[in-house]
Amino acid sequence: MEQVEDFNWHKGMTVKQLVKAYGQIGYQSVELARAADVIVKMKKDSAKIFLTFTSNMVTSGLRGFFAQIIKLKMADVLVTTVGGIEEDIMKSKGEKFAIGNFETDDIELHEKGINRVGNLLIKNESYMNFEDLINPILMKLYEKKNKWAVSDFLKEIGLMLDDKDSILFQAARNNVPIFCPAITDGAFGFHLYLFQQKHKDFIIDVIEDFGNILLATNFDEKKGVIALGGSISKHHAILSTLLNGGANYAVYMTTAHKTSGSMSGATTSEAKSWGKVQCESDIATVIGDVTIMFPLAMIMALEQLSDEGLLNG
């Protein structure tokens, strides 16, 4: 049995050393260290890694880190919500989001045409600019063919971008499919609807893409899930693993609590009752802000894999 150890800082401490020390502090620090260990295990076991995240994480500066993780071959399948797609495209075209605060006058922000996501601020102008750039993209893709599965559609958009910090850019060039089952749930969906009013034969096929994510893995393949936050992005990935025998490794990070009965709060242990995660799998559930927890766990994993000569990209 592990013993509690007093934590001490030393000059030149690496993230790997820090997170390893977390494993003997207690509480959520132990879960964070375990999460890093599970990420290392899934990579060493050549598991197919499903990385899921919600759009608010792309609003933040994690967007570039996700792109880097793809380039480093630490994610094989992505699942996200449509806001993350929109904002990745916005940022790839130079849009900047500001840092505000959680306690602000939201009526005043509304009057100024500013939208708040926690303590981050997005101008209405950014969405107007998105409309200007997405319509020519839709036309190019429509001229190529009129029916697209969502993941194929997003890959084509990624190939049109020129930003190495873009999730779509890196995913397209590293053959990592991006699944977005609720692609209509945002500004992107509105523009798809308007485009279809002018081009009635234009189809974005979500059902075909459901088949694509099911076929992205199989029963014989080892599978790992890193689910950041919850919602449809998390469930879409673990439903795929359920229908392919369950995940062998799973890391969940969330601010939601298990007592809510929600997908966001559901733990890796709860997933075992459904068969989404195998009974003997290595798991960790970290309760905390992903913008803090995920970089620490992933960087420790990257440092360990790099030290052992197992990091690609």
C-alpha atoms as a PDB file:
ATOM      1  CA  MET A   1       0.000   0.000   0.000  1.00  0.00           C
ATOM      2  CA  GLU A   2       1.291   3.465  -0.957  1.00  0.00           C
ATOM      3  CA  GLN A   3       2.120   5.809   1.896  1.00  0.00           C
ATOM      4  CA  VAL A   4       1.399   9.533   2.105  1.00  0.00           C
ATOM      5  CA  GLU A   5       4.606  11.497   1.551  1.00  0.00           C
ATOM      6  CA  ASP A   6       5.227  15.147   2.322  1.00  0.00           C
ATOM      7  CA  PHE A   7       5.557  17.194  -0.829  1.00  0.00           C
ATOM      8  CA  ASN A   8       8.693  19.283  -1.357  1.00  0.00           C
ATOM      9  CA  TRP A   9       9.680  21.533  -4.218  1.00  0.00           C
ATOM     10  CA  HIS A  10      13.213  21.510  -5.588  1.00  0.00           C
ATOM     11  CA  LYS A  11      14.832  23.770  -8.127  1.00  0.00           C
ATOM     12  CA  GLY A  12      14.581  22.471 -11.673  1.00  0.00           C
ATOM     13  CA  MET A  13      11.629  20.171 -10.885  1.00  0.00           C
ATOM     14  CA  THR A  14      10.098  18.765 -14.087  1.00  0.00           C
ATOM     15  CA  VAL A  15       6.410  18.231 -14.714  1.00  0.00           C
ATOM     16  CA  LYS A  16       7.086  14.493 -14.631  1.00  0.00           C
ATOM     17  CA  GLN A  17       8.626  14.767 -11.164  1.00  0.00           C
ATOM     18  CA  LEU A  18       5.823  17.041  -9.972  1.00  0.00           C
ATOM     19  CA  VAL A  19       2.991  14.776 -11.099  1.00  0.00           C
ATOM     20  CA  LYS A  20       4.794  11.675  -9.836  1.00  0.00           C
ATOM     21  CA  ALA A  21       4.975  13.340  -6.409  1.00  0.00           C
ATOM     22  CA  TYR A  22       1.239  14.045  -6.669  1.00  0.00           C
ATOM     23  CA  GLY A  23       0.718  10.295  -6.452  1.00  0.00           C
ATOM     24  CA  GLN A  24       1.618  10.351  -2.755  1.00  0.00           C
ATOM     25  CA  ILE A  25      -0.020  13.596  -1.630  1.00  0.00           C
ATOM     26  CA  GLY A  26      -3.628  12.407  -1.535  1.00  0.00           C
ATOM     27  CA  TYR A  27      -7.111  13.310  -2.806  1.00  0.00           C
ATOM     28  CA  GLN A  28      -7.360  14.398  -6.459  1.00  0.00           C
ATOM     29  CA  SER A  29      -3.604  14.699  -6.838  1.00  0.00           C
ATOM     30  CA  VAL A  30      -3.446  10.893  -6.600  1.00  0.00           C
ATOM     31  CA  GLU A  31      -6.062  10.539  -9.346  1.00  0.00           C
ATOM     32  CA  LEU A  32      -4.154  12.998 -11.526  1.00  0.00           C
ATOM     33  CA  ALA A  33      -0.955  10.968 -11.189  1.00  0.00           C
ATOM     34  CA  ARG A  34      -2.939   7.813 -11.942  1.00  0.00           C
ATOM     35  CA  ALA A  35      -4.398   9.456 -15.049  1.00  0.00           C
ATOM     36  CA  ALA A  36      -0.908  10.192 -16.362  1.00  0.00           C
ATOM     37  CA  ASP A  37       0.084   6.588 -15.723  1.00  0.00           C
ATOM     38  CA  VAL A  38      -2.973   5.261 -17.593  1.00  0.00           C
ATOM     39  CA  ILE A  39      -2.177   7.501 -20.588  1.00  0.00           C
ATOM     40  CA  VAL A  40       1.348   6.060 -20.681  1.00  0.00           C
ATOM     41  CA  LYS A  41      -0.015   2.517 -20.475  1.00  0.00           C
ATOM     42  CA  MET A  42      -2.495   2.986 -23.308  1.00  0.00           C
ATOM     43  CA  LYS A  43       0.243   4.345 -25.552  1.00  0.00           C
ATOM     44  CA  LYS A  44       2.705   1.574 -24.673  1.00  0.00           C
ATOM     45  CA  ASP A  45       0.029  -1.016 -25.334  1.00  0.00           C
ATOM     46  CA  SER A  46      -0.557   0.459 -28.818  1.00  0.00           C
ATOM     47  CA  ALA A  47      -4.183   1.139 -27.918  1.00  0.00           C
ATOM     48  CA  LYS A  48      -6.282   3.203 -30.296  1.00  0.00           C
ATOM     49  CA  ILE A  49      -6.776   6.430 -28.352  1.00  0.00           C
ATOM     50  CA  PHE A  50     -10.089   8.273 -28.503  1.00  0.00           C
ATOM     51  CA  LEU A  51      -9.682  11.881 -27.334  1.00  0.00           C
ATOM     52  CA  THR A  52     -12.913  13.743 -26.612  1.00  0.00           C
ATOM     53  CA  PHE A  53     -13.399  17.348 -25.576  1.00  0.00           C
ATOM     54  CA  THR A  54     -16.081  20.010 -25.564  1.00  0.00           C
ATOM     55  CA  SER A  55     -15.995  23.323 -27.394  1.00  0.00           C
ATOM     56  CA  ASN A  56     -15.190  25.460 -24.338  1.00  0.00           C
ATOM     57  CA  MET A  57     -11.760  23.828 -24.249  1.00  0.00           C
ATOM     58  CA  VAL A  58     -11.073  25.016 -27.792  1.00  0.00           C
ATOM     59  CA  THR A  59     -12.175  28.499 -26.710  1.00  0.00           C
ATOM     60  CA  SER A  60      -9.282  28.323 -24.258  1.00  0.00           C
ATOM     61  CA  GLY A  61      -5.607  27.999 -25.070  1.00  0.00           C
ATOM     62  CA  LEU A  62      -5.832  24.200 -24.947  1.00  0.00           C
ATOM     63  CA  ARG A  63      -6.629  24.300 -28.658  1.00  0.00           C
ATOM     64  CA  GLY A  64      -2.951  24.467 -29.649  1.00  0.00           C
ATOM     65  CA  PHE A  65      -2.075  21.697 -27.176  1.00  0.00           C
ATOM     66  CA  PHE A  66      -4.701  19.420 -28.733  1.00  0.00           C
ATOM     67  CA  ALA A  67      -3.162  20.103 -32.146  1.00  0.00           C
ATOM     68  CA  GLN A  68       0.293  19.248 -30.775  1.00  0.00           C
ATOM     69  CA  ILE A  69      -1.002  16.012 -29.230  1.00  0.00           C
ATOM     70  CA  ILE A  70      -2.342  14.963 -32.622  1.00  0.00           C
ATOM     71  CA  LYS A  71       1.024  15.697 -34.231  1.00  0.00           C
ATOM     72  CA  LEU A  72       2.759  13.647 -31.516  1.00  0.00           C
ATOM     73  CA  LYS A  73       0.528  10.633 -32.346  1.00  0.00           C
ATOM     74  CA  MET A  74      -1.143  10.672 -28.923  1.00  0.00           C
ATOM     75  CA  ALA A  75      -4.674  10.650 -30.339  1.00  0.00           C
ATOM     76  CA  ASP A  76      -6.064   8.397 -33.059  1.00  0.00           C
ATOM     77  CA  VAL A  77      -9.719   9.474 -33.054  1.00  0.00           C
ATOM     78  CA  LEU A  78     -11.198  12.831 -31.999  1.00  0.00           C
ATOM     79  CA  VAL A  79     -14.766  13.552 -30.938  1.00  0.00           C
ATOM     80  CA  THR A  80     -15.899  17.090 -30.182  1.00  0.00           C
ATOM     81  CA  THR A  81     -18.824  19.486 -30.323  1.00  0.00           C
ATOM     82  CA  VAL A  82     -19.427  21.925 -33.156  1.00  0.00           C
ATOM     83  CA  GLY A  83     -18.356  25.034 -31.227  1.00  0.00           C
ATOM     84  CA  GLY A  84     -14.868  23.564 -31.130  1.00  0.00           C
ATOM     85  CA  ILE A  85     -14.902  23.198 -34.910  1.00  0.00           C
ATOM     86  CA  GLU A  86     -16.097  26.780 -35.420  1.00  0.00           C
ATOM     87  CA  GLU A  87     -13.594  28.277 -33.024  1.00  0.00           C
ATOM     88  CA  ASP A  88     -10.695  26.239 -34.377  1.00  0.00           C
ATOM     89  CA  ILE A  89     -11.468  27.637 -37.836  1.00  0.00           C
ATOM     90  CA  MET A  90     -11.889  31.159 -36.424  1.00  0.00           C
ATOM     91  CA  LYS A  91      -8.526  31.036 -34.676  1.00  0.00           C
ATOM     92  CA  SER A  92      -6.826  29.553 -37.732  1.00  0.00           C
ATOM     93  CA  LYS A  93      -7.931  32.679 -39.588  1.00  0.00           C
ATOM     94  CA  GLY A  94      -6.526  35.046 -36.978  1.00  0.00           C
ATOM     95  CA  GLU A  95      -9.455  35.613 -34.622  1.00  0.00           C
ATOM     96  CA  LYS A  96      -8.408  36.416 -31.055  1.00  0.00           C
ATOM     97  CA  PHE A  97     -10.411  35.722 -27.892  1.00  0.00           C
ATOM     98  CA  ALA A  98      -9.888  37.886 -24.810  1.00  0.00           C
ATOM     99  CA  ILE A  99      -9.526  37.022 -21.125  1.00  0.00           C
ATOM    100  CA  GLY A 100     -12.105  38.743 -18.924  1.00  0.00           C
ATOM    101  CA  ASN A 101     -13.446  37.618 -15.555  1.00  0.00           C
ATOM    102  CA  PHE A 102     -16.238  35.500 -14.131  1.00  0.00           C
ATOM    103  CA  GLU A 103     -17.858  38.410 -12.301  1.00  0.00           C
ATOM    104  CA  THR A 104     -18.779  40.915 -14.968  1.00  0.00           C
ATOM    105  CA  ASP A 105     -21.754  42.932 -16.203  1.00  0.00           C
ATOM    106  CA  ASP A 106     -23.182  40.579 -18.824  1.00  0.00           C
ATOM    107  CA  ILE A 107     -25.822  43.061 -19.932  1.00  0.00           C
ATOM    108  CA  GLU A 108     -23.060  45.549 -20.692  1.00  0.00           C
ATOM    109  CA  LEU A 109     -21.165  42.855 -22.605  1.00  0.00           C
ATOM    110  CA  HIS A 110     -24.267  42.083 -24.633  1.00  0.00           C
ATOM    111  CA  GLU A 111     -24.705  45.733 -25.518  1.00  0.00           C
ATOM    112  CA  LYS A 112     -21.096  45.791 -26.728  1.00  0.00           C
ATOM    113  CA  GLY A 113     -21.565  42.681 -28.857  1.00  0.00           C
ATOM    114  CA  ILE A 114     -19.380  40.503 -26.670  1.00  0.00           C
ATOM    115  CA  ASN A 115     -20.191  36.928 -25.630  1.00  0.00           C
ATOM    116  CA  ARG A 116     -18.797  35.396 -22.427  1.00  0.00           C
ATOM    117  CA  VAL A 117     -17.601  31.813 -21.980  1.00  0.00           C
ATOM    118  CA  GLY A 118     -16.642  31.644 -18.308  1.00  0.00           C
ATOM    119  CA  ASN A 119     -13.910  34.268 -18.106  1.00  0.00           C
ATOM    120  CA  LEU A 120     -13.197  34.286 -21.852  1.00  0.00           C
ATOM    121  CA  LEU A 121     -14.715  36.783 -24.283  1.00  0.00           C
ATOM    122  CA  ILE A 122     -15.688  36.397 -27.948  1.00  0.00           C
ATOM    123  CA  LYS A 123     -16.864  39.280 -30.111  1.00  0.00           C
ATOM    124  CA  ASN A 124     -19.947  38.934 -32.300  1.00  0.00           C
ATOM    125  CA  GLU A 125     -17.654  40.180 -35.053  1.00  0.00           C
ATOM    126  CA  SER A 126     -15.768  36.879 -34.874  1.00  0.00           C
ATOM    127  CA  TYR A 127     -18.939  34.992 -35.807  1.00  0.00           C
ATOM    128  CA  MET A 128     -19.645  37.441 -38.619  1.00  0.00           C
ATOM    129  CA  ASN A 129     -16.155  36.834 -39.953  1.00  0.00           C
ATOM    130  CA  PHE A 130     -16.774  33.090 -39.635  1.00  0.00           C
ATOM    131  CA  GLU A 131     -19.802  33.433 -41.908  1.00  0.00           C
ATOM    132  CA  ASP A 132     -17.696  35.236 -44.516  1.00  0.00           C
ATOM    133  CA  LEU A 133     -15.063  32.519 -44.600  1.00  0.00           C
ATOM    134  CA  ILE A 134     -17.237  29.398 -44.237  1.00  0.00           C
ATOM    135  CA  ASN A 135     -19.545  30.057 -47.192  1.00  0.00           C
ATOM    136  CA  PRO A 136     -16.758  29.880 -49.825  1.00  0.00           C
ATOM    137  CA  ILE A 137     -15.521  26.682 -48.155  1.00  0.00           C
ATOM    138  CA  LEU A 138     -18.993  25.142 -48.345  1.00  0.00           C
ATOM    139  CA  MET A 139     -19.251  26.047 -52.012  1.00  0.00           C
ATOM    140  CA  LYS A 140     -15.884  24.431 -52.806  1.00  0.00           C
ATOM    141  CA  LEU A 141     -16.890  21.235 -51.066  1.00  0.00           C
ATOM    142  CA  TYR A 142     -20.321  21.214 -52.700  1.00  0.00           C
ATOM    143  CA  GLU A 143     -18.729  21.569 -56.123  1.00  0.00           C
ATOM    144  CA  LYS A 144     -16.533  18.584 -55.312  1.00  0.00           C
ATOM    145  CA  LYS A 145     -19.526  16.451 -54.283  1.00  0.00           C
ATOM    146  CA  ASN A 146     -22.913  17.077 -52.736  1.00  0.00           C
ATOM    147  CA  LYS A 147     -22.995  14.414 -49.986  1.00  0.00           C
ATOM    148  CA  TRP A 148     -20.476  14.166 -47.162  1.00  0.00           C
ATOM    149  CA  ALA A 149     -20.049  12.156 -43.989  1.00  0.00           C
ATOM    150  CA  VAL A 150     -19.186  14.629 -41.223  1.00  0.00           C
ATOM    151  CA  SER A 151     -15.654  13.340 -40.584  1.00  0.00           C
ATOM    152  CA  ASP A 152     -14.786  13.396 -44.301  1.00  0.00           C
ATOM    153  CA  PHE A 153     -16.243  16.894 -44.541  1.00  0.00           C
ATOM    154  CA  LEU A 154     -14.117  18.125 -41.629  1.00  0.00           C
ATOM    155  CA  LYS A 155     -10.964  16.532 -43.059  1.00  0.00           C
ATOM    156  CA  GLU A 156     -11.444  18.450 -46.306  1.00  0.00           C
ATOM    157  CA  ILE A 157     -11.798  21.700 -44.359  1.00  0.00           C
ATOM    158  CA  GLY A 158      -8.638  20.878 -42.405  1.00  0.00           C
ATOM    159  CA  LEU A 159      -6.725  20.447 -45.654  1.00  0.00           C
ATOM    160  CA  MET A 160      -7.762  23.985 -46.634  1.00  0.00           C
ATOM    161  CA  LEU A 161      -6.324  25.530 -43.466  1.00  0.00           C
ATOM    162  CA  ASP A 162      -2.755  26.741 -42.969  1.00  0.00           C
ATOM    163  CA  ASP A 163      -2.234  26.889 -39.217  1.00  0.00           C
ATOM    164  CA  LYS A 164      -0.104  24.317 -37.390  1.00  0.00           C
ATOM    165  CA  ASP A 165      -1.896  25.136 -34.133  1.00  0.00           C
ATOM    166  CA  SER A 166      -5.210  24.131 -35.708  1.00  0.00           C
ATOM    167  CA  ILE A 167      -6.863  20.894 -34.617  1.00  0.00           C
ATOM    168  CA  LEU A 168      -8.444  20.433 -38.039  1.00  0.00           C
ATOM    169  CA  PHE A 169      -5.121  21.135 -39.793  1.00  0.00           C
ATOM    170  CA  GLN A 170      -3.173  18.553 -37.790  1.00  0.00           C
ATOM    171  CA  ALA A 171      -5.948  15.953 -37.842  1.00  0.00           C
ATOM    172  CA  ALA A 172      -6.274  16.149 -41.637  1.00  0.00           C
ATOM    173  CA  ARG A 173      -2.531  15.765 -42.191  1.00  0.00           C
ATOM    174  CA  ASN A 174      -2.112  12.961 -39.652  1.00  0.00           C
ATOM    175  CA  ASN A 175      -5.150  10.948 -40.785  1.00  0.00           C
ATOM    176  CA  VAL A 176      -6.948  11.394 -37.471  1.00  0.00           C
ATOM    177  CA  PRO A 177     -10.720  11.478 -38.031  1.00  0.00           C
ATOM    178  CA  ILE A 178     -12.773  14.116 -36.229  1.00  0.00           C
ATOM    179  CA  PHE A 179     -16.312  13.127 -35.337  1.00  0.00           C
ATOM    180  CA  CYS A 180     -18.884  15.772 -34.513  1.00  0.00           C
ATOM    181  CA  PRO A 181     -22.280  14.082 -34.130  1.00  0.00           C
ATOM    182  CA  ALA A 182     -24.092  17.320 -33.192  1.00  0.00           C
ATOM    183  CA  ILE A 183     -22.719  19.402 -36.056  1.00  0.00           C
ATOM    184  CA  THR A 184     -25.914  21.477 -36.296  1.00  0.00           C
ATOM    185  CA  ASP A 185     -25.724  22.633 -32.659  1.00  0.00           C
ATOM    186  CA  GLY A 186     -24.070  25.990 -33.314  1.00  0.00           C
ATOM    187  CA  ALA A 187     -23.351  28.729 -35.819  1.00  0.00           C
ATOM    188  CA  PHE A 188     -21.890  26.141 -38.196  1.00  0.00           C
ATOM    189  CA  GLY A 189     -25.201  24.295 -38.242  1.00  0.00           C
ATOM    190  CA  PHE A 190     -27.054  27.513 -39.038  1.00  0.00           C
ATOM    191  CA  HIS A 191     -24.805  28.163 -42.033  1.00  0.00           C
ATOM    192  CA  LEU A 192     -25.198  24.571 -43.209  1.00  0.00           C
ATOM    193  CA  TYR A 193     -28.965  25.050 -43.056  1.00  0.00           C
ATOM    194  CA  LEU A 194     -28.854  28.296 -45.027  1.00  0.00           C
ATOM    195  CA  PHE A 195     -26.554  26.755 -47.631  1.00  0.00           C
ATOM    196  CA  GLN A 196     -28.910  23.815 -48.052  1.00  0.00           C
ATOM    197  CA  GLN A 197     -31.826  26.167 -48.728  1.00  0.00           C
ATOM    198  CA  LYS A 198     -30.010  27.251 -51.898  1.00  0.00           C
ATOM    199  CA  HIS A 199     -28.643  23.777 -52.706  1.00  0.00           C
ATOM    200  CA  LYS A 200     -31.314  21.234 -51.816  1.00  0.00           C
ATOM    201  CA  ASP A 201     -29.166  18.234 -52.739  1.00  0.00           C
ATOM    202  CA  PHE A 202     -26.422  19.225 -50.261  1.00  0.00           C
ATOM    203  CA  ILE A 203     -26.249  16.619 -47.482  1.00  0.00           C
ATOM    204  CA  ILE A 204     -24.082  16.258 -44.390  1.00  0.00           C
ATOM    205  CA  ASP A 205     -24.685  12.654 -43.341  1.00  0.00           C
ATOM    206  CA  VAL A 206     -24.468  12.119 -39.569  1.00  0.00           C
ATOM    207  CA  ILE A 207     -25.757   8.553 -39.764  1.00  0.00           C
ATOM    208  CA  GLU A 208     -23.059   7.508 -42.225  1.00  0.00           C
ATOM    209  CA  ASP A 209     -20.520   8.972 -39.838  1.00  0.00           C
ATOM    210  CA  PHE A 210     -21.924   6.912 -36.973  1.00  0.00           C
ATOM    211  CA  GLY A 211     -20.931   3.891 -39.031  1.00  0.00           C
ATOM    212  CA  ASN A 212     -17.503   5.435 -39.572  1.00  0.00           C
ATOM    213  CA  ILE A 213     -16.775   5.779 -35.856  1.00  0.00           C
ATOM    214  CA  LEU A 214     -17.955   2.229 -35.211  1.00  0.00           C
ATOM    215  CA  LEU A 215     -15.577   0.991 -37.899  1.00  0.00           C
ATOM    216  CA  ALA A 216     -12.735   3.149 -36.570  1.00  0.00           C
ATOM    217  CA  THR A 217     -11.904   0.300 -34.191  1.00  0.00           C
ATOM    218  CA  ASN A 218     -12.823  -3.352 -33.605  1.00  0.00           C
ATOM    219  CA  PHE A 219     -13.154  -6.028 -30.919  1.00  0.00           C
ATOM    220  CA  ASP A 220      -9.568  -7.240 -31.294  1.00  0.00           C
ATOM    221  CA  GLU A 221      -7.941  -3.813 -31.051  1.00  0.00           C
ATOM    222  CA  LYS A 222      -6.881  -2.347 -27.697  1.00  0.00           C
ATOM    223  CA  LYS A 223      -8.800   0.855 -27.027  1.00  0.00           C
ATOM    224  CA  GLY A 224      -8.178   3.840 -24.772  1.00  0.00           C
ATOM    225  CA  VAL A 225     -10.422   6.804 -24.020  1.00  0.00           C
ATOM    226  CA  ILE A 226      -9.381  10.240 -22.740  1.00  0.00           C
ATOM    227  CA  ALA A 227     -12.640  12.102 -22.134  1.00  0.00           C
ATOM    228  CA  LEU A 228     -12.326  15.758 -21.178  1.00  0.00           C
ATOM    229  CA  GLY A 229     -15.624  17.083 -19.900  1.00  0.00           C
ATOM    230  CA  GLY A 230     -18.770  15.273 -20.918  1.00  0.00           C
ATOM    231  CA  SER A 231     -21.730  15.730 -23.229  1.00  0.00           C
ATOM    232  CA  ILE A 232     -22.228  14.058 -26.583  1.00  0.00           C
ATOM    233  CA  SER A 233     -18.517  14.065 -27.430  1.00  0.00           C
ATOM    234  CA  LYS A 234     -17.705  11.803 -24.474  1.00  0.00           C
ATOM    235  CA  HIS A 235     -20.690   9.517 -25.010  1.00  0.00           C
ATOM    236  CA  HIS A 236     -20.161   9.152 -28.761  1.00  0.00           C
ATOM    237  CA  ALA A 237     -16.679   7.753 -28.143  1.00  0.00           C
ATOM    238  CA  ILE A 238     -17.571   5.379 -25.331  1.00  0.00           C
ATOM    239  CA  LEU A 239     -20.631   4.162 -27.229  1.00  0.00           C
ATOM    240  CA  SER A 240     -18.256   3.199 -30.007  1.00  0.00           C
ATOM    241  CA  THR A 241     -16.037   1.325 -27.554  1.00  0.00           C
ATOM    242  CA  LEU A 242     -19.113  -0.378 -26.033  1.00  0.00           C
ATOM    243  CA  LEU A 243     -20.138  -1.725 -29.430  1.00  0.00           C
ATOM    244  CA  ASN A 244     -16.562  -2.938 -29.982  1.00  0.00           C
ATOM    245  CA  GLY A 245     -16.032  -4.796 -26.711  1.00  0.00           C
ATOM    246  CA  GLY A 246     -15.286  -1.910 -24.335  1.00  0.00           C
ATOM    247  CA  ALA A 247     -12.227   0.250 -23.660  1.00  0.00           C
ATOM    248  CA  ASN A 248      -9.122  -1.253 -22.081  1.00  0.00           C
ATOM    249  CA  TYR A 249      -8.018   2.099 -20.679  1.00  0.00           C
ATOM    250  CA  ALA A 250     -10.011   5.176 -19.697  1.00  0.00           C
ATOM    251  CA  VAL A 251      -9.233   8.603 -18.252  1.00  0.00           C
ATOM    252  CA  TYR A 252     -12.071  11.004 -17.476  1.00  0.00           C
ATOM    253  CA  MET A 253     -11.559  14.607 -16.383  1.00  0.00           C
ATOM    254  CA  THR A 254     -14.530  16.708 -15.376  1.00  0.00           C
ATOM    255  CA  THR A 255     -15.862  19.306 -12.950  1.00  0.00           C
ATOM    256  CA  ALA A 256     -19.214  17.483 -12.788  1.00  0.00           C
ATOM    257  CA  HIS A 257     -20.059  15.186  -9.884  1.00  0.00           C
ATOM    258  CA  LYS A 258     -21.150  11.556 -10.067  1.00  0.00           C
ATOM    259  CA  THR A 259     -24.287  12.232  -7.998  1.00  0.00           C
ATOM    260  CA  SER A 260     -25.849  14.221 -10.860  1.00  0.00           C
ATOM    261  CA  GLY A 261     -26.518  11.098 -12.913  1.00  0.00           C
ATOM    262  CA  SER A 262     -25.206  12.985 -15.932  1.00  0.00           C
ATOM    263  CA  MET A 263     -22.888  11.887 -18.717  1.00  0.00           C
ATOM    264  CA  SER A 264     -20.483  14.637 -17.636  1.00  0.00           C
ATOM    265  CA  GLY A 265     -20.385  13.328 -14.065  1.00  0.00           C
ATOM    266  CA  ALA A 266     -20.333   9.627 -14.876  1.00  0.00           C
ATOM    267  CA  THR A 267     -17.101   8.016 -13.697  1.00  0.00           C
ATOM    268  CA  THR A 268     -14.905   5.417 -15.341  1.00  0.00           C
ATOM    269  CA  SER A 269     -16.209   2.924 -12.762  1.00  0.00           C
ATOM    270  CA  GLU A 270     -19.808   3.633 -13.748  1.00  0.00           C
ATOM    271  CA  ALA A 271     -18.851   2.999 -17.370  1.00  0.00           C
ATOM    272  CA  LYS A 272     -17.934  -0.568 -16.425  1.00  0.00           C
ATOM    273  CA  SER A 273     -21.570  -1.291 -15.588  1.00  0.00           C
ATOM    274  CA  TRP A 274     -22.447  -0.536 -19.216  1.00  0.00           C
ATOM    275  CA  GLY A 275     -19.521  -2.386 -20.738  1.00  0.00           C
ATOM    276  CA  LYS A 276     -18.190   0.851 -22.211  1.00  0.00           C
ATOM    277  CA  VAL A 277     -15.044   0.215 -20.187  1.00  0.00           C
ATOM    278  CA  GLN A 278     -13.908  -3.367 -19.619  1.00  0.00           C
ATOM    279  CA  CYS A 279     -14.108  -4.746 -16.085  1.00  0.00           C
ATOM    280  CA  GLU A 280     -10.340  -5.316 -15.832  1.00  0.00           C
ATOM    281  CA  SER A 281      -9.348  -2.024 -17.488  1.00  0.00           C
ATOM    282  CA  ASP A 282      -6.959   0.599 -16.094  1.00  0.00           C
ATOM    283  CA  ILE A 283      -8.975   3.712 -15.232  1.00  0.00           C
ATOM    284  CA  ALA A 284      -8.772   7.129 -13.591  1.00  0.00           C
ATOM    285  CA  THR A 285     -11.396   9.797 -12.953  1.00  0.00           C
ATOM    286  CA  VAL A 286     -10.055  13.253 -12.111  1.00  0.00           C
ATOM    287  CA  ILE A 287     -12.416  15.864 -10.697  1.00  0.00           C
ATOM    288  CA  GLY A 288     -11.124  19.299 -11.620  1.00  0.00           C
ATOM    289  CA  ASP A 289     -10.678  21.969 -14.259  1.00  0.00           C
ATOM    290  CA  VAL A 290      -9.361  20.414 -17.464  1.00  0.00           C
ATOM    291  CA  THR A 291      -7.298  23.519 -18.281  1.00  0.00           C
ATOM    292  CA  ILE A 292      -5.245  22.711 -15.163  1.00  0.00           C
ATOM    293  CA  MET A 293      -5.445  18.949 -14.895  1.00  0.00           C
ATOM    294  CA  PHE A 294      -5.031  17.798 -18.492  1.00  0.00           C
ATOM    295  CA  PRO A 295      -1.769  19.600 -19.364  1.00  0.00           C
ATOM    296  CA  LEU A 296      -0.158  18.268 -16.182  1.00  0.00           C
ATOM    297  CA  ALA A 297      -1.207  14.652 -16.774  1.00  0.00           C
ATOM    298  CA  MET A 298      -0.459  14.672 -20.489  1.00  0.00           C
ATOM    299  CA  ILE A 299       2.900  16.436 -20.168  1.00  0.00           C
ATOM    300  CA  MET A 300       4.020  13.907 -17.558  1.00  0.00           C
ATOM    301  CA  ALA A 301       3.021  11.131 -19.958  1.00  0.00           C
ATOM    302  CA  LEU A 302       4.835  12.845 -22.841  1.00  0.00           C
ATOM    303  CA  GLU A 303       8.002  13.307 -20.767  1.00  0.00           C
ATOM    304  CA  GLN A 304       8.012   9.665 -19.668  1.00  0.00           C
ATOM    305  CA  LEU A 305       7.385   8.371 -23.178  1.00  0.00           C
ATOM    306  CA  SER A 306      10.061  10.708 -24.552  1.00  0.00           C
ATOM    307  CA  ASP A 307      12.568   9.551 -21.921  1.00  0.00           C
ATOM    308  CA  GLU A 308      11.913   5.963 -22.976  1.00  0.00           C
ATOM    309  CA  GLY A 309      12.194   6.788 -26.689  1.00  0.00           C
ATOM    310  CA  LEU A 310       8.541   5.958 -27.322  1.00  0.00           C
ATOM    311  CA  LEU A 311       7.223   9.337 -28.411  1.00  0.00           C
ATOM    312  CA  ASN A 312       6.459   9.780 -32.101  1.00  0.00           C
ATOM    313  CA  GLY A 313       6.028  12.946 -34.115  1.00  0.00           C
END
